[in-house]
Amino acid sequence: MLGRGDGDRDREGRERGAALSALRRYELQHHADQSFGSLSGGRRARFQILLLELQGSTLLLLDEPTDNLDLHSAEALEIPLERFEGTVLAVTHDRWFARTFDRYVVLENDGRVNETSEPYWGG
């Protein structure tokens, strides 16, 4: 992931220590020398969130983020999302994933938008 830059720097010019510190926040420091393709689905998702954060992103729009993840990877995805300092807007049918949301928005058939304190699963 860090790649081999010149000496103690990664490909983007960050010092290896600073890059490892960023990876540590997302519990990825032990995978610093692995290729992206060799990471599990959950680690790939965490790394991608880290990259967005490092680029200055303040909003994540997620469409069914746990849909193709196994249970362990889906649970691991919660860690970086909790640590992300911006806003996370997610569309999901995953009731377990939605349990930690702060707010729920329901888009009604007639076009109205309602905020609720509990998730709405239709019916």
PDB file of N, CA and C in Angstrom:
ATOM      1  N   MET A   1       0.815  -1.182   0.000  1.00  0.00           N
ATOM      2  CA  MET A   1       0.000   0.000   0.000  1.00  0.00           C
ATOM      3  C   MET A   1       0.865   1.255   0.000  1.00  0.00           C
ATOM      4  N   LEU A   2       1.861   1.258   0.839  1.00  0.00           N
ATOM      5  CA  LEU A   2       2.723   2.431   0.872  1.00  0.00           C
ATOM      6  C   LEU A   2       3.571   2.526  -0.381  1.00  0.00           C
ATOM      7  N   GLY A   3       3.932   1.403  -0.876  1.00  0.00           N
ATOM      8  CA  GLY A   3       4.793   1.420  -2.062  1.00  0.00           C
ATOM      9  C   GLY A   3       6.206   1.781  -1.680  1.00  0.00           C
ATOM     10  N   ARG A   4       7.041   1.687  -2.619  1.00  0.00           N
ATOM     11  CA  ARG A   4       8.443   2.004  -2.385  1.00  0.00           C
ATOM     12  C   ARG A   4       8.782   3.306  -3.084  1.00  0.00           C
ATOM     13  N   GLY A   5       8.923   4.342  -2.320  1.00  0.00           N
ATOM     14  CA  GLY A   5       9.337   5.625  -2.871  1.00  0.00           C
ATOM     15  C   GLY A   5      10.833   5.762  -2.713  1.00  0.00           C
ATOM     16  N   ASP A   6      11.303   6.971  -2.619  1.00  0.00           N
ATOM     17  CA  ASP A   6      12.724   7.214  -2.401  1.00  0.00           C
ATOM     18  C   ASP A   6      13.004   7.183  -0.907  1.00  0.00           C
ATOM     19  N   GLY A   7      13.803   6.238  -0.480  1.00  0.00           N
ATOM     20  CA  GLY A   7      14.227   6.186   0.916  1.00  0.00           C
ATOM     21  C   GLY A   7      13.074   5.959   1.865  1.00  0.00           C
ATOM     22  N   ASP A   8      12.850   6.942   2.741  1.00  0.00           N
ATOM     23  CA  ASP A   8      11.833   6.798   3.777  1.00  0.00           C
ATOM     24  C   ASP A   8      10.518   7.468   3.407  1.00  0.00           C
ATOM     25  N   ARG A   9      10.252   7.644   2.134  1.00  0.00           N
ATOM     26  CA  ARG A   9       9.012   8.298   1.695  1.00  0.00           C
ATOM     27  C   ARG A   9       8.176   7.330   0.863  1.00  0.00           C
ATOM     28  N   ASP A  10       6.856   7.533   0.910  1.00  0.00           N
ATOM     29  CA  ASP A  10       5.990   6.721   0.063  1.00  0.00           C
ATOM     30  C   ASP A  10       5.882   7.357  -1.315  1.00  0.00           C
ATOM     31  N   ARG A  11       5.083   6.773  -2.191  1.00  0.00           N
ATOM     32  CA  ARG A  11       4.960   7.278  -3.560  1.00  0.00           C
ATOM     33  C   ARG A  11       4.392   8.688  -3.621  1.00  0.00           C
ATOM     34  N   GLU A  12       3.617   9.083  -2.635  1.00  0.00           N
ATOM     35  CA  GLU A  12       3.012  10.417  -2.621  1.00  0.00           C
ATOM     36  C   GLU A  12       3.916  11.444  -1.932  1.00  0.00           C
ATOM     37  N   GLY A  13       5.096  11.029  -1.477  1.00  0.00           N
ATOM     38  CA  GLY A  13       6.038  11.954  -0.863  1.00  0.00           C
ATOM     39  C   GLY A  13       5.903  12.081   0.648  1.00  0.00           C
ATOM     40  N   ARG A  14       4.961  11.345   1.263  1.00  0.00           N
ATOM     41  CA  ARG A  14       4.820  11.386   2.717  1.00  0.00           C
ATOM     42  C   ARG A  14       5.926  10.565   3.351  1.00  0.00           C
ATOM     43  N   GLU A  15       6.382  11.031   4.463  1.00  0.00           N
ATOM     44  CA  GLU A  15       7.358  10.248   5.210  1.00  0.00           C
ATOM     45  C   GLU A  15       6.701   8.945   5.650  1.00  0.00           C
ATOM     46  N   ARG A  16       7.458   7.877   5.652  1.00  0.00           N
ATOM     47  CA  ARG A  16       6.918   6.561   6.013  1.00  0.00           C
ATOM     48  C   ARG A  16       6.288   6.584   7.393  1.00  0.00           C
ATOM     49  N   GLY A  17       6.900   7.278   8.337  1.00  0.00           N
ATOM     50  CA  GLY A  17       6.345   7.345   9.693  1.00  0.00           C
ATOM     51  C   GLY A  17       4.970   7.994   9.710  1.00  0.00           C
ATOM     52  N   ALA A  18       4.790   9.077   8.946  1.00  0.00           N
ATOM     53  CA  ALA A  18       3.495   9.747   8.873  1.00  0.00           C
ATOM     54  C   ALA A  18       2.466   8.853   8.188  1.00  0.00           C
ATOM     55  N   ALA A  19       2.900   8.155   7.146  1.00  0.00           N
ATOM     56  CA  ALA A  19       1.998   7.252   6.436  1.00  0.00           C
ATOM     57  C   ALA A  19       1.567   6.102   7.354  1.00  0.00           C
ATOM     58  N   LEU A  20       2.497   5.547   8.105  1.00  0.00           N
ATOM     59  CA  LEU A  20       2.166   4.470   9.041  1.00  0.00           C
ATOM     60  C   LEU A  20       1.225   4.966  10.130  1.00  0.00           C
ATOM     61  N   SER A  21       1.415   6.196  10.570  1.00  0.00           N
ATOM     62  CA  SER A  21       0.528   6.774  11.572  1.00  0.00           C
ATOM     63  C   SER A  21      -0.903   6.856  11.040  1.00  0.00           C
ATOM     64  N   ALA A  22      -1.054   7.277   9.791  1.00  0.00           N
ATOM     65  CA  ALA A  22      -2.382   7.339   9.179  1.00  0.00           C
ATOM     66  C   ALA A  22      -2.971   5.934   9.064  1.00  0.00           C
ATOM     67  N   LEU A  23      -2.183   4.965   8.636  1.00  0.00           N
ATOM     68  CA  LEU A  23      -2.656   3.591   8.529  1.00  0.00           C
ATOM     69  C   LEU A  23      -3.069   3.041   9.890  1.00  0.00           C
ATOM     70  N   ARG A  24      -2.355   3.422  10.938  1.00  0.00           N
ATOM     71  CA  ARG A  24      -2.635   2.952  12.290  1.00  0.00           C
ATOM     72  C   ARG A  24      -4.036   3.379  12.740  1.00  0.00           C
ATOM     73  N   ARG A  25      -4.453   4.591  12.357  1.00  0.00           N
ATOM     74  CA  ARG A  25      -5.792   5.072  12.751  1.00  0.00           C
ATOM     75  C   ARG A  25      -6.883   4.154  12.219  1.00  0.00           C
ATOM     76  N   TYR A  26      -6.597   3.478  11.127  1.00  0.00           N
ATOM     77  CA  TYR A  26      -7.577   2.580  10.512  1.00  0.00           C
ATOM     78  C   TYR A  26      -7.189   1.109  10.692  1.00  0.00           C
ATOM     79  N   GLU A  27      -6.274   0.862  11.616  1.00  0.00           N
ATOM     80  CA  GLU A  27      -5.805  -0.489  11.940  1.00  0.00           C
ATOM     81  C   GLU A  27      -5.281  -1.233  10.713  1.00  0.00           C
ATOM     82  N   LEU A  28      -4.504  -0.511   9.892  1.00  0.00           N
ATOM     83  CA  LEU A  28      -3.935  -1.088   8.674  1.00  0.00           C
ATOM     84  C   LEU A  28      -2.407  -1.095   8.676  1.00  0.00           C
ATOM     85  N   GLN A  29      -1.780  -0.681   9.754  1.00  0.00           N
ATOM     86  CA  GLN A  29      -0.327  -0.525   9.779  1.00  0.00           C
ATOM     87  C   GLN A  29       0.418  -1.835   9.510  1.00  0.00           C
ATOM     88  N   HIS A  30      -0.163  -2.956   9.857  1.00  0.00           N
ATOM     89  CA  HIS A  30       0.511  -4.246   9.642  1.00  0.00           C
ATOM     90  C   HIS A  30       0.434  -4.702   8.184  1.00  0.00           C
ATOM     91  N   HIS A  31      -0.295  -3.952   7.368  1.00  0.00           N
ATOM     92  CA  HIS A  31      -0.480  -4.315   5.966  1.00  0.00           C
ATOM     93  C   HIS A  31       0.173  -3.296   5.033  1.00  0.00           C
ATOM     94  N   ALA A  32       1.037  -2.473   5.583  1.00  0.00           N
ATOM     95  CA  ALA A  32       1.633  -1.361   4.825  1.00  0.00           C
ATOM     96  C   ALA A  32       2.398  -1.819   3.588  1.00  0.00           C
ATOM     97  N   ASP A  33       2.987  -2.981   3.628  1.00  0.00           N
ATOM     98  CA  ASP A  33       3.799  -3.440   2.505  1.00  0.00           C
ATOM     99  C   ASP A  33       3.063  -4.417   1.590  1.00  0.00           C
ATOM    100  N   GLN A  34       1.772  -4.614   1.827  1.00  0.00           N
ATOM    101  CA  GLN A  34       0.970  -5.469   0.960  1.00  0.00           C
ATOM    102  C   GLN A  34       0.429  -4.650  -0.210  1.00  0.00           C
ATOM    103  N   SER A  35       0.161  -5.328  -1.306  1.00  0.00           N
ATOM    104  CA  SER A  35      -0.491  -4.653  -2.424  1.00  0.00           C
ATOM    105  C   SER A  35      -1.980  -4.508  -2.104  1.00  0.00           C
ATOM    106  N   PHE A  36      -2.604  -3.525  -2.702  1.00  0.00           N
ATOM    107  CA  PHE A  36      -4.022  -3.289  -2.482  1.00  0.00           C
ATOM    108  C   PHE A  36      -4.834  -4.538  -2.852  1.00  0.00           C
ATOM    109  N   GLY A  37      -4.471  -5.172  -3.946  1.00  0.00           N
ATOM    110  CA  GLY A  37      -5.197  -6.342  -4.415  1.00  0.00           C
ATOM    111  C   GLY A  37      -5.148  -7.535  -3.476  1.00  0.00           C
ATOM    112  N   SER A  38      -4.160  -7.585  -2.602  1.00  0.00           N
ATOM    113  CA  SER A  38      -4.051  -8.717  -1.683  1.00  0.00           C
ATOM    114  C   SER A  38      -4.816  -8.493  -0.378  1.00  0.00           C
ATOM    115  N   LEU A  39      -5.410  -7.318  -0.202  1.00  0.00           N
ATOM    116  CA  LEU A  39      -6.164  -7.022   1.023  1.00  0.00           C
ATOM    117  C   LEU A  39      -7.554  -7.639   0.967  1.00  0.00           C
ATOM    118  N   SER A  40      -8.112  -7.917   2.146  1.00  0.00           N
ATOM    119  CA  SER A  40      -9.491  -8.403   2.219  1.00  0.00           C
ATOM    120  C   SER A  40     -10.444  -7.270   1.844  1.00  0.00           C
ATOM    121  N   GLY A  41     -11.692  -7.600   1.592  1.00  0.00           N
ATOM    122  CA  GLY A  41     -12.685  -6.591   1.239  1.00  0.00           C
ATOM    123  C   GLY A  41     -12.834  -5.511   2.294  1.00  0.00           C
ATOM    124  N   GLY A  42     -12.852  -5.893   3.562  1.00  0.00           N
ATOM    125  CA  GLY A  42     -12.981  -4.921   4.638  1.00  0.00           C
ATOM    126  C   GLY A  42     -11.774  -4.006   4.735  1.00  0.00           C
ATOM    127  N   ARG A  43     -10.578  -4.565   4.550  1.00  0.00           N
ATOM    128  CA  ARG A  43      -9.364  -3.733   4.591  1.00  0.00           C
ATOM    129  C   ARG A  43      -9.313  -2.794   3.395  1.00  0.00           C
ATOM    130  N   ARG A  44      -9.755  -3.271   2.244  1.00  0.00           N
ATOM    131  CA  ARG A  44      -9.795  -2.394   1.065  1.00  0.00           C
ATOM    132  C   ARG A  44     -10.722  -1.210   1.321  1.00  0.00           C
ATOM    133  N   ALA A  45     -11.884  -1.487   1.897  1.00  0.00           N
ATOM    134  CA  ALA A  45     -12.844  -0.421   2.183  1.00  0.00           C
ATOM    135  C   ALA A  45     -12.262   0.573   3.179  1.00  0.00           C
ATOM    136  N   ARG A  46     -11.607   0.074   4.229  1.00  0.00           N
ATOM    137  CA  ARG A  46     -10.992   0.975   5.217  1.00  0.00           C
ATOM    138  C   ARG A  46      -9.914   1.825   4.575  1.00  0.00           C
ATOM    139  N   PHE A  47      -9.096   1.215   3.712  1.00  0.00           N
ATOM    140  CA  PHE A  47      -8.025   1.955   3.058  1.00  0.00           C
ATOM    141  C   PHE A  47      -8.590   3.037   2.141  1.00  0.00           C
ATOM    142  N   GLN A  48      -9.657   2.711   1.435  1.00  0.00           N
ATOM    143  CA  GLN A  48     -10.263   3.702   0.543  1.00  0.00           C
ATOM    144  C   GLN A  48     -10.844   4.879   1.333  1.00  0.00           C
ATOM    145  N   ILE A  49     -11.427   4.605   2.487  1.00  0.00           N
ATOM    146  CA  ILE A  49     -11.932   5.692   3.337  1.00  0.00           C
ATOM    147  C   ILE A  49     -10.778   6.548   3.839  1.00  0.00           C
ATOM    148  N   LEU A  50      -9.682   5.910   4.225  1.00  0.00           N
ATOM    149  CA  LEU A  50      -8.499   6.655   4.648  1.00  0.00           C
ATOM    150  C   LEU A  50      -8.000   7.561   3.532  1.00  0.00           C
ATOM    151  N   LEU A  51      -7.926   7.037   2.315  1.00  0.00           N
ATOM    152  CA  LEU A  51      -7.466   7.855   1.185  1.00  0.00           C
ATOM    153  C   LEU A  51      -8.368   9.065   0.973  1.00  0.00           C
ATOM    154  N   LEU A  52      -9.661   8.870   1.081  1.00  0.00           N
ATOM    155  CA  LEU A  52     -10.593   9.990   0.933  1.00  0.00           C
ATOM    156  C   LEU A  52     -10.364  11.037   2.022  1.00  0.00           C
ATOM    157  N   GLU A  53     -10.153  10.570   3.236  1.00  0.00           N
ATOM    158  CA  GLU A  53      -9.886  11.490   4.342  1.00  0.00           C
ATOM    159  C   GLU A  53      -8.597  12.270   4.101  1.00  0.00           C
ATOM    160  N   LEU A  54      -7.555  11.589   3.667  1.00  0.00           N
ATOM    161  CA  LEU A  54      -6.276  12.259   3.422  1.00  0.00           C
ATOM    162  C   LEU A  54      -6.371  13.276   2.285  1.00  0.00           C
ATOM    163  N   GLN A  55      -7.305  13.076   1.367  1.00  0.00           N
ATOM    164  CA  GLN A  55      -7.511  14.014   0.269  1.00  0.00           C
ATOM    165  C   GLN A  55      -8.399  15.187   0.682  1.00  0.00           C
ATOM    166  N   GLY A  56      -8.866  15.186   1.927  1.00  0.00           N
ATOM    167  CA  GLY A  56      -9.664  16.298   2.429  1.00  0.00           C
ATOM    168  C   GLY A  56     -11.163  16.138   2.264  1.00  0.00           C
ATOM    169  N   SER A  57     -11.629  14.944   1.940  1.00  0.00           N
ATOM    170  CA  SER A  57     -13.064  14.731   1.789  1.00  0.00           C
ATOM    171  C   SER A  57     -13.774  14.904   3.124  1.00  0.00           C
ATOM    172  N   THR A  58     -14.934  15.527   3.085  1.00  0.00           N
ATOM    173  CA  THR A  58     -15.721  15.736   4.298  1.00  0.00           C
ATOM    174  C   THR A  58     -17.092  15.083   4.215  1.00  0.00           C
ATOM    175  N   LEU A  59     -17.374  14.417   3.096  1.00  0.00           N
ATOM    176  CA  LEU A  59     -18.654  13.749   2.907  1.00  0.00           C
ATOM    177  C   LEU A  59     -18.437  12.418   2.197  1.00  0.00           C
ATOM    178  N   LEU A  60     -18.987  11.365   2.770  1.00  0.00           N
ATOM    179  CA  LEU A  60     -18.980  10.054   2.124  1.00  0.00           C
ATOM    180  C   LEU A  60     -20.414   9.692   1.769  1.00  0.00           C
ATOM    181  N   LEU A  61     -20.650   9.351   0.518  1.00  0.00           N
ATOM    182  CA  LEU A  61     -21.947   8.852   0.066  1.00  0.00           C
ATOM    183  C   LEU A  61     -21.777   7.365  -0.204  1.00  0.00           C
ATOM    184  N   LEU A  62     -22.445   6.538   0.567  1.00  0.00           N
ATOM    185  CA  LEU A  62     -22.269   5.091   0.473  1.00  0.00           C
ATOM    186  C   LEU A  62     -23.564   4.436   0.017  1.00  0.00           C
ATOM    187  N   ASP A  63     -23.482   3.643  -1.031  1.00  0.00           N
ATOM    188  CA  ASP A  63     -24.633   2.917  -1.551  1.00  0.00           C
ATOM    189  C   ASP A  63     -24.430   1.438  -1.251  1.00  0.00           C
ATOM    190  N   GLU A  64     -25.181   0.932  -0.294  1.00  0.00           N
ATOM    191  CA  GLU A  64     -25.092  -0.466   0.124  1.00  0.00           C
ATOM    192  C   GLU A  64     -23.641  -0.887   0.407  1.00  0.00           C
ATOM    193  N   PRO A  65     -22.962  -0.203   1.333  1.00  0.00           N
ATOM    194  CA  PRO A  65     -21.538  -0.474   1.551  1.00  0.00           C
ATOM    195  C   PRO A  65     -21.222  -1.864   2.086  1.00  0.00           C
ATOM    196  N   THR A  66     -22.176  -2.526   2.719  1.00  0.00           N
ATOM    197  CA  THR A  66     -21.895  -3.853   3.273  1.00  0.00           C
ATOM    198  C   THR A  66     -22.442  -4.974   2.394  1.00  0.00           C
ATOM    199  N   ASP A  67     -23.019  -4.630   1.271  1.00  0.00           N
ATOM    200  CA  ASP A  67     -23.724  -5.592   0.422  1.00  0.00           C
ATOM    201  C   ASP A  67     -22.872  -6.780   0.001  1.00  0.00           C
ATOM    202  N   ASN A  68     -21.615  -6.578  -0.344  1.00  0.00           N
ATOM    203  CA  ASN A  68     -20.768  -7.673  -0.837  1.00  0.00           C
ATOM    204  C   ASN A  68     -19.670  -8.063   0.154  1.00  0.00           C
ATOM    205  N   LEU A  69     -19.862  -7.700   1.426  1.00  0.00           N
ATOM    206  CA  LEU A  69     -18.855  -8.016   2.437  1.00  0.00           C
ATOM    207  C   LEU A  69     -19.315  -9.159   3.327  1.00  0.00           C
ATOM    208  N   ASP A  70     -18.362  -9.983   3.760  1.00  0.00           N
ATOM    209  CA  ASP A  70     -18.701 -11.001   4.746  1.00  0.00           C
ATOM    210  C   ASP A  70     -18.918 -10.306   6.092  1.00  0.00           C
ATOM    211  N   LEU A  71     -19.418 -11.024   7.074  1.00  0.00           N
ATOM    212  CA  LEU A  71     -19.768 -10.434   8.369  1.00  0.00           C
ATOM    213  C   LEU A  71     -18.578  -9.743   9.028  1.00  0.00           C
ATOM    214  N   HIS A  72     -17.419 -10.388   9.020  1.00  0.00           N
ATOM    215  CA  HIS A  72     -16.232  -9.810   9.647  1.00  0.00           C
ATOM    216  C   HIS A  72     -15.819  -8.507   8.950  1.00  0.00           C
ATOM    217  N   SER A  73     -15.846  -8.495   7.633  1.00  0.00           N
ATOM    218  CA  SER A  73     -15.471  -7.302   6.878  1.00  0.00           C
ATOM    219  C   SER A  73     -16.473  -6.174   7.101  1.00  0.00           C
ATOM    220  N   ALA A  74     -17.762  -6.514   7.156  1.00  0.00           N
ATOM    221  CA  ALA A  74     -18.790  -5.499   7.400  1.00  0.00           C
ATOM    222  C   ALA A  74     -18.611  -4.864   8.774  1.00  0.00           C
ATOM    223  N   GLU A  75     -18.321  -5.692   9.773  1.00  0.00           N
ATOM    224  CA  GLU A  75     -18.082  -5.156  11.111  1.00  0.00           C
ATOM    225  C   GLU A  75     -16.815  -4.303  11.134  1.00  0.00           C
ATOM    226  N   ALA A  76     -15.789  -4.726  10.399  1.00  0.00           N
ATOM    227  CA  ALA A  76     -14.535  -3.966  10.349  1.00  0.00           C
ATOM    228  C   ALA A  76     -14.726  -2.614   9.676  1.00  0.00           C
ATOM    229  N   LEU A  77     -15.685  -2.512   8.765  1.00  0.00           N
ATOM    230  CA  LEU A  77     -15.953  -1.248   8.087  1.00  0.00           C
ATOM    231  C   LEU A  77     -16.482  -0.188   9.051  1.00  0.00           C
ATOM    232  N   GLU A  78     -17.138  -0.617  10.116  1.00  0.00           N
ATOM    233  CA  GLU A  78     -17.700   0.330  11.085  1.00  0.00           C
ATOM    234  C   GLU A  78     -16.612   1.167  11.754  1.00  0.00           C
ATOM    235  N   ILE A  79     -15.435   0.610  11.957  1.00  0.00           N
ATOM    236  CA  ILE A  79     -14.344   1.323  12.648  1.00  0.00           C
ATOM    237  C   ILE A  79     -13.947   2.589  11.905  1.00  0.00           C
ATOM    238  N   PRO A  80     -13.594   2.511  10.622  1.00  0.00           N
ATOM    239  CA  PRO A  80     -13.206   3.754   9.940  1.00  0.00           C
ATOM    240  C   PRO A  80     -14.364   4.726   9.778  1.00  0.00           C
ATOM    241  N   LEU A  81     -15.572   4.214   9.641  1.00  0.00           N
ATOM    242  CA  LEU A  81     -16.701   5.129   9.502  1.00  0.00           C
ATOM    243  C   LEU A  81     -16.943   5.900  10.793  1.00  0.00           C
ATOM    244  N   GLU A  82     -16.722   5.257  11.933  1.00  0.00           N
ATOM    245  CA  GLU A  82     -16.831   5.959  13.212  1.00  0.00           C
ATOM    246  C   GLU A  82     -15.720   6.988  13.368  1.00  0.00           C
ATOM    247  N   ARG A  83     -14.557   6.718  12.836  1.00  0.00           N
ATOM    248  CA  ARG A  83     -13.405   7.615  12.966  1.00  0.00           C
ATOM    249  C   ARG A  83     -13.395   8.731  11.924  1.00  0.00           C
ATOM    250  N   PHE A  84     -14.144   8.561  10.843  1.00  0.00           N
ATOM    251  CA  PHE A  84     -14.184   9.564   9.788  1.00  0.00           C
ATOM    252  C   PHE A  84     -14.745  10.857  10.367  1.00  0.00           C
ATOM    253  N   GLU A  85     -14.051  11.958  10.136  1.00  0.00           N
ATOM    254  CA  GLU A  85     -14.423  13.216  10.769  1.00  0.00           C
ATOM    255  C   GLU A  85     -15.455  14.018   9.988  1.00  0.00           C
ATOM    256  N   GLY A  86     -15.901  13.520   8.859  1.00  0.00           N
ATOM    257  CA  GLY A  86     -16.906  14.216   8.071  1.00  0.00           C
ATOM    258  C   GLY A  86     -18.277  13.585   8.252  1.00  0.00           C
ATOM    259  N   THR A  87     -19.135  13.836   7.296  1.00  0.00           N
ATOM    260  CA  THR A  87     -20.496  13.310   7.283  1.00  0.00           C
ATOM    261  C   THR A  87     -20.540  12.042   6.429  1.00  0.00           C
ATOM    262  N   VAL A  88     -21.258  11.049   6.911  1.00  0.00           N
ATOM    263  CA  VAL A  88     -21.444   9.809   6.172  1.00  0.00           C
ATOM    264  C   VAL A  88     -22.934   9.660   5.888  1.00  0.00           C
ATOM    265  N   LEU A  89     -23.285   9.586   4.615  1.00  0.00           N
ATOM    266  CA  LEU A  89     -24.656   9.365   4.184  1.00  0.00           C
ATOM    267  C   LEU A  89     -24.688   8.002   3.514  1.00  0.00           C
ATOM    268  N   ALA A  90     -25.484   7.089   4.070  1.00  0.00           N
ATOM    269  CA  ALA A  90     -25.494   5.717   3.554  1.00  0.00           C
ATOM    270  C   ALA A  90     -26.908   5.271   3.216  1.00  0.00           C
ATOM    271  N   VAL A  91     -27.026   4.583   2.108  1.00  0.00           N
ATOM    272  CA  VAL A  91     -28.262   3.901   1.723  1.00  0.00           C
ATOM    273  C   VAL A  91     -27.997   2.427   1.980  1.00  0.00           C
ATOM    274  N   THR A  92     -28.857   1.800   2.773  1.00  0.00           N
ATOM    275  CA  THR A  92     -28.607   0.408   3.126  1.00  0.00           C
ATOM    276  C   THR A  92     -29.897  -0.324   3.460  1.00  0.00           C
ATOM    277  N   HIS A  93     -29.870  -1.617   3.255  1.00  0.00           N
ATOM    278  CA  HIS A  93     -30.930  -2.505   3.721  1.00  0.00           C
ATOM    279  C   HIS A  93     -30.405  -3.369   4.865  1.00  0.00           C
ATOM    280  N   ASP A  94     -29.173  -3.113   5.270  1.00  0.00           N
ATOM    281  CA  ASP A  94     -28.507  -3.892   6.312  1.00  0.00           C
ATOM    282  C   ASP A  94     -28.909  -3.342   7.686  1.00  0.00           C
ATOM    283  N   ARG A  95     -29.795  -4.031   8.362  1.00  0.00           N
ATOM    284  CA  ARG A  95     -30.305  -3.551   9.655  1.00  0.00           C
ATOM    285  C   ARG A  95     -29.217  -3.482  10.714  1.00  0.00           C
ATOM    286  N   TRP A  96     -28.272  -4.402  10.671  1.00  0.00           N
ATOM    287  CA  TRP A  96     -27.184  -4.393  11.648  1.00  0.00           C
ATOM    288  C   TRP A  96     -26.294  -3.166  11.438  1.00  0.00           C
ATOM    289  N   PHE A  97     -25.972  -2.874  10.207  1.00  0.00           N
ATOM    290  CA  PHE A  97     -25.147  -1.719   9.871  1.00  0.00           C
ATOM    291  C   PHE A  97     -25.857  -0.414  10.256  1.00  0.00           C
ATOM    292  N   ALA A  98     -27.152  -0.350  10.054  1.00  0.00           N
ATOM    293  CA  ALA A  98     -27.917   0.876  10.302  1.00  0.00           C
ATOM    294  C   ALA A  98     -28.134   1.162  11.786  1.00  0.00           C
ATOM    295  N   ARG A  99     -27.897   0.203  12.652  1.00  0.00           N
ATOM    296  CA  ARG A  99     -28.183   0.387  14.076  1.00  0.00           C
ATOM    297  C   ARG A  99     -27.374   1.522  14.705  1.00  0.00           C
ATOM    298  N   THR A 100     -26.230   1.866  14.134  1.00  0.00           N
ATOM    299  CA  THR A 100     -25.361   2.885  14.738  1.00  0.00           C
ATOM    300  C   THR A 100     -25.577   4.282  14.157  1.00  0.00           C
ATOM    301  N   PHE A 101     -26.504   4.433  13.217  1.00  0.00           N
ATOM    302  CA  PHE A 101     -26.718   5.734  12.593  1.00  0.00           C
ATOM    303  C   PHE A 101     -27.288   6.727  13.603  1.00  0.00           C
ATOM    304  N   ASP A 102     -26.960   7.988  13.409  1.00  0.00           N
ATOM    305  CA  ASP A 102     -27.479   9.054  14.267  1.00  0.00           C
ATOM    306  C   ASP A 102     -28.870   9.499  13.842  1.00  0.00           C
ATOM    307  N   ARG A 103     -29.122   9.499  12.550  1.00  0.00           N
ATOM    308  CA  ARG A 103     -30.387   9.992  12.017  1.00  0.00           C
ATOM    309  C   ARG A 103     -30.831   9.106  10.863  1.00  0.00           C
ATOM    310  N   TYR A 104     -32.134   9.054  10.661  1.00  0.00           N
ATOM    311  CA  TYR A 104     -32.709   8.262   9.583  1.00  0.00           C
ATOM    312  C   TYR A 104     -33.609   9.159   8.748  1.00  0.00           C
ATOM    313  N   VAL A 105     -33.534   9.029   7.446  1.00  0.00           N
ATOM    314  CA  VAL A 105     -34.344   9.812   6.529  1.00  0.00           C
ATOM    315  C   VAL A 105     -35.127   8.829   5.659  1.00  0.00           C
ATOM    316  N   VAL A 106     -36.416   9.084   5.548  1.00  0.00           N
ATOM    317  CA  VAL A 106     -37.283   8.240   4.731  1.00  0.00           C
ATOM    318  C   VAL A 106     -37.766   9.064   3.541  1.00  0.00           C
ATOM    319  N   LEU A 107     -37.562   8.537   2.347  1.00  0.00           N
ATOM    320  CA  LEU A 107     -38.073   9.164   1.135  1.00  0.00           C
ATOM    321  C   LEU A 107     -39.415   8.512   0.821  1.00  0.00           C
ATOM    322  N   GLU A 108     -40.484   9.286   0.953  1.00  0.00           N
ATOM    323  CA  GLU A 108     -41.835   8.762   0.749  1.00  0.00           C
ATOM    324  C   GLU A 108     -42.151   8.644  -0.746  1.00  0.00           C
ATOM    325  N   ASN A 109     -43.112   7.805  -1.084  1.00  0.00           N
ATOM    326  CA  ASN A 109     -43.527   7.607  -2.477  1.00  0.00           C
ATOM    327  C   ASN A 109     -44.011   8.893  -3.122  1.00  0.00           C
ATOM    328  N   ASP A 110     -44.582   9.799  -2.324  1.00  0.00           N
ATOM    329  CA  ASP A 110     -45.114  11.048  -2.888  1.00  0.00           C
ATOM    330  C   ASP A 110     -44.049  12.145  -2.978  1.00  0.00           C
ATOM    331  N   GLY A 111     -42.785  11.794  -2.689  1.00  0.00           N
ATOM    332  CA  GLY A 111     -41.695  12.762  -2.808  1.00  0.00           C
ATOM    333  C   GLY A 111     -41.332  13.470  -1.517  1.00  0.00           C
ATOM    334  N   ARG A 112     -42.127  13.300  -0.472  1.00  0.00           N
ATOM    335  CA  ARG A 112     -41.806  13.931   0.812  1.00  0.00           C
ATOM    336  C   ARG A 112     -40.590  13.244   1.446  1.00  0.00           C
ATOM    337  N   VAL A 113     -39.868  14.021   2.232  1.00  0.00           N
ATOM    338  CA  VAL A 113     -38.708  13.513   2.959  1.00  0.00           C
ATOM    339  C   VAL A 113     -38.984  13.705   4.439  1.00  0.00           C
ATOM    340  N   ASN A 114     -38.888  12.636   5.205  1.00  0.00           N
ATOM    341  CA  ASN A 114     -39.145  12.694   6.644  1.00  0.00           C
ATOM    342  C   ASN A 114     -37.950  12.167   7.415  1.00  0.00           C
ATOM    343  N   GLU A 115     -37.618  12.844   8.504  1.00  0.00           N
ATOM    344  CA  GLU A 115     -36.585  12.355   9.410  1.00  0.00           C
ATOM    345  C   GLU A 115     -37.268  11.588  10.529  1.00  0.00           C
ATOM    346  N   THR A 116     -36.693  10.441  10.883  1.00  0.00           N
ATOM    347  CA  THR A 116     -37.254   9.624  11.953  1.00  0.00           C
ATOM    348  C   THR A 116     -36.163   9.281  12.953  1.00  0.00           C
ATOM    349  N   SER A 117     -36.576   8.900  14.145  1.00  0.00           N
ATOM    350  CA  SER A 117     -35.601   8.500  15.164  1.00  0.00           C
ATOM    351  C   SER A 117     -35.237   7.028  15.060  1.00  0.00           C
ATOM    352  N   GLU A 118     -36.027   6.284  14.317  1.00  0.00           N
ATOM    353  CA  GLU A 118     -35.791   4.859  14.119  1.00  0.00           C
ATOM    354  C   GLU A 118     -35.744   4.570  12.618  1.00  0.00           C
ATOM    355  N   PRO A 119     -35.022   3.549  12.209  1.00  0.00           N
ATOM    356  CA  PRO A 119     -35.007   3.216  10.784  1.00  0.00           C
ATOM    357  C   PRO A 119     -36.381   2.725  10.334  1.00  0.00           C
ATOM    358  N   TYR A 120     -36.692   2.953   9.096  1.00  0.00           N
ATOM    359  CA  TYR A 120     -37.942   2.515   8.502  1.00  0.00           C
ATOM    360  C   TYR A 120     -37.609   1.466   7.444  1.00  0.00           C
ATOM    361  N   TRP A 121     -38.207   0.303   7.575  1.00  0.00           N
ATOM    362  CA  TRP A 121     -37.882  -0.791   6.660  1.00  0.00           C
ATOM    363  C   TRP A 121     -39.034  -1.114   5.718  1.00  0.00           C
ATOM    364  N   GLY A 122     -40.006  -0.229   5.626  1.00  0.00           N
ATOM    365  CA  GLY A 122     -41.134  -0.450   4.716  1.00  0.00           C
ATOM    366  C   GLY A 122     -42.178  -1.318   5.364  1.00  0.00           C
ATOM    367  N   GLY A 123     -43.248  -1.514   4.648  1.00  0.00           N
ATOM    368  CA  GLY A 123     -44.237  -2.421   5.173  1.00  0.00           C
ATOM    369  C   GLY A 123     -45.587  -1.906   5.314  1.00  0.00           C
TER     370      GLY A 123
END
